[in-house]
Amino acid sequence: MISKDVSIMVYSQLLDRPAINRMPEYQLETEILRYLDIESADTVDLYESLQEINDMDF
């Protein structure tokens, strides 16, 4: 199962491609958090999600 942090990374990169260090602010400007039913994802969570994406076998 894909984590919600991974979903945030994928959706944001498909829609707008913000820098990962700007993602916390970007999340507040969009409806991504509401759609995924989570409160927030900080930069550490997002960097961990990059590793999770890297480890996936597509």
N, C-alpha and C. Protein backbone atom coordinates (compact mmCIF):
# COMPACT_ATOMS: atom_id res chain seq x y z
N MET A 1 0.85 -1.19 0.00
CA MET A 1 0.00 0.00 0.00
C MET A 1 0.89 1.25 0.00
N ILE A 2 0.51 2.23 -0.73
CA ILE A 2 1.26 3.49 -0.83
C ILE A 2 0.88 4.40 0.34
N SER A 3 1.89 4.95 1.00
CA SER A 3 1.62 5.85 2.13
C SER A 3 1.06 7.17 1.62
N LYS A 4 0.43 7.88 2.50
CA LYS A 4 -0.14 9.17 2.14
C LYS A 4 0.96 10.19 1.83
N ASP A 5 2.11 10.07 2.50
CA ASP A 5 3.22 10.98 2.21
C ASP A 5 3.71 10.80 0.78
N VAL A 6 3.75 9.56 0.33
CA VAL A 6 4.14 9.29 -1.06
C VAL A 6 3.12 9.91 -2.00
N SER A 7 1.85 9.79 -1.67
CA SER A 7 0.80 10.38 -2.50
C SER A 7 0.95 11.89 -2.59
N ILE A 8 1.30 12.53 -1.48
CA ILE A 8 1.53 13.97 -1.49
C ILE A 8 2.65 14.31 -2.47
N MET A 9 3.74 13.57 -2.39
CA MET A 9 4.88 13.83 -3.28
C MET A 9 4.48 13.66 -4.75
N VAL A 10 3.82 12.58 -5.06
CA VAL A 10 3.45 12.29 -6.45
C VAL A 10 2.47 13.34 -6.97
N TYR A 11 1.40 13.58 -6.24
CA TYR A 11 0.41 14.55 -6.70
C TYR A 11 1.00 15.93 -6.87
N SER A 12 1.78 16.37 -5.90
CA SER A 12 2.34 17.72 -5.98
C SER A 12 3.31 17.86 -7.15
N GLN A 13 4.09 16.83 -7.41
CA GLN A 13 5.03 16.90 -8.52
C GLN A 13 4.32 16.86 -9.87
N LEU A 14 3.23 16.14 -9.93
CA LEU A 14 2.46 16.11 -11.18
C LEU A 14 1.75 17.43 -11.43
N LEU A 15 1.28 18.06 -10.38
CA LEU A 15 0.50 19.29 -10.53
C LEU A 15 1.35 20.55 -10.65
N ASP A 16 2.39 20.66 -9.82
CA ASP A 16 3.05 21.96 -9.74
C ASP A 16 4.57 21.89 -9.62
N ARG A 17 5.13 20.77 -9.21
CA ARG A 17 6.56 20.54 -9.05
C ARG A 17 7.25 21.50 -8.07
N PRO A 18 6.70 21.69 -6.87
CA PRO A 18 7.38 22.54 -5.89
C PRO A 18 8.63 21.84 -5.35
N ALA A 19 9.58 22.62 -4.89
CA ALA A 19 10.77 22.06 -4.25
C ALA A 19 10.36 21.38 -2.95
N ILE A 20 11.07 20.32 -2.59
CA ILE A 20 10.70 19.56 -1.39
C ILE A 20 10.79 20.42 -0.13
N ASN A 21 11.71 21.36 -0.08
CA ASN A 21 11.81 22.22 1.10
C ASN A 21 10.69 23.26 1.16
N ARG A 22 9.94 23.42 0.09
CA ARG A 22 8.79 24.33 0.06
C ARG A 22 7.46 23.57 0.21
N MET A 23 7.53 22.27 0.27
CA MET A 23 6.32 21.45 0.32
C MET A 23 5.40 21.73 1.50
N PRO A 24 5.91 21.93 2.73
CA PRO A 24 4.97 22.22 3.82
C PRO A 24 4.09 23.44 3.55
N GLU A 25 4.68 24.50 3.01
CA GLU A 25 3.89 25.69 2.67
C GLU A 25 2.96 25.40 1.49
N TYR A 26 3.47 24.67 0.51
CA TYR A 26 2.67 24.31 -0.67
C TYR A 26 1.43 23.53 -0.26
N GLN A 27 1.58 22.61 0.67
CA GLN A 27 0.44 21.81 1.12
C GLN A 27 -0.67 22.68 1.67
N LEU A 28 -0.29 23.74 2.35
CA LEU A 28 -1.29 24.63 2.93
C LEU A 28 -2.01 25.46 1.88
N GLU A 29 -1.40 25.63 0.71
CA GLU A 29 -2.00 26.41 -0.38
C GLU A 29 -2.91 25.57 -1.27
N THR A 30 -2.92 24.26 -1.05
CA THR A 30 -3.70 23.36 -1.90
C THR A 30 -4.70 22.57 -1.07
N GLU A 31 -5.44 21.71 -1.72
CA GLU A 31 -6.41 20.85 -1.05
C GLU A 31 -5.88 19.43 -0.87
N ILE A 32 -4.58 19.22 -1.15
CA ILE A 32 -4.01 17.87 -1.09
C ILE A 32 -4.22 17.21 0.27
N LEU A 33 -3.93 17.93 1.34
CA LEU A 33 -4.07 17.35 2.67
C LEU A 33 -5.51 16.96 2.97
N ARG A 34 -6.44 17.80 2.59
CA ARG A 34 -7.86 17.51 2.82
C ARG A 34 -8.28 16.29 2.03
N TYR A 35 -7.88 16.19 0.78
CA TYR A 35 -8.25 15.04 -0.04
C TYR A 35 -7.67 13.74 0.48
N LEU A 36 -6.48 13.80 1.05
CA LEU A 36 -5.84 12.60 1.58
C LEU A 36 -6.19 12.35 3.05
N ASP A 37 -6.95 13.26 3.64
CA ASP A 37 -7.42 13.14 5.01
C ASP A 37 -6.27 13.02 6.01
N ILE A 38 -5.30 13.94 5.87
CA ILE A 38 -4.21 14.02 6.84
C ILE A 38 -4.01 15.48 7.24
N GLU A 39 -3.40 15.68 8.39
CA GLU A 39 -3.20 17.03 8.90
C GLU A 39 -2.01 17.73 8.28
N SER A 40 -0.88 17.00 8.18
CA SER A 40 0.31 17.61 7.60
C SER A 40 1.35 16.54 7.31
N ALA A 41 2.34 16.93 6.55
CA ALA A 41 3.52 16.09 6.29
C ALA A 41 4.70 17.03 6.28
N ASP A 42 5.62 16.82 7.20
CA ASP A 42 6.77 17.72 7.25
C ASP A 42 7.86 17.27 6.28
N THR A 43 8.90 18.05 6.17
CA THR A 43 9.97 17.79 5.21
C THR A 43 10.62 16.43 5.45
N VAL A 44 10.81 16.05 6.70
CA VAL A 44 11.40 14.74 7.01
C VAL A 44 10.53 13.62 6.46
N ASP A 45 9.22 13.72 6.67
CA ASP A 45 8.29 12.71 6.14
C ASP A 45 8.39 12.63 4.62
N LEU A 46 8.52 13.77 3.98
CA LEU A 46 8.57 13.80 2.52
C LEU A 46 9.87 13.22 1.99
N TYR A 47 10.99 13.49 2.66
CA TYR A 47 12.25 12.87 2.26
C TYR A 47 12.20 11.35 2.43
N GLU A 48 11.56 10.90 3.50
CA GLU A 48 11.39 9.45 3.70
C GLU A 48 10.51 8.86 2.61
N SER A 49 9.53 9.62 2.17
CA SER A 49 8.66 9.11 1.10
C SER A 49 9.43 8.98 -0.22
N LEU A 50 10.42 9.85 -0.43
CA LEU A 50 11.26 9.72 -1.63
C LEU A 50 12.00 8.38 -1.62
N GLN A 51 12.48 7.99 -0.46
CA GLN A 51 13.16 6.70 -0.34
C GLN A 51 12.17 5.57 -0.58
N GLU A 52 10.97 5.72 -0.06
CA GLU A 52 9.93 4.70 -0.27
C GLU A 52 9.61 4.55 -1.76
N ILE A 53 9.51 5.67 -2.46
CA ILE A 53 9.25 5.63 -3.90
C ILE A 53 10.42 4.96 -4.62
N ASN A 54 11.63 5.30 -4.22
CA ASN A 54 12.82 4.73 -4.82
C ASN A 54 12.87 3.20 -4.65
N ASP A 55 12.37 2.72 -3.53
CA ASP A 55 12.40 1.28 -3.23
C ASP A 55 11.27 0.50 -3.89
N MET A 56 10.31 1.19 -4.48
CA MET A 56 9.18 0.50 -5.12
C MET A 56 9.58 -0.19 -6.41
N ASP A 57 8.96 -1.32 -6.65
CA ASP A 57 9.17 -2.05 -7.88
C ASP A 57 7.96 -1.84 -8.78
N PHE A 58 8.12 -1.01 -9.78
CA PHE A 58 7.02 -0.74 -10.69
C PHE A 58 7.01 -1.80 -11.76
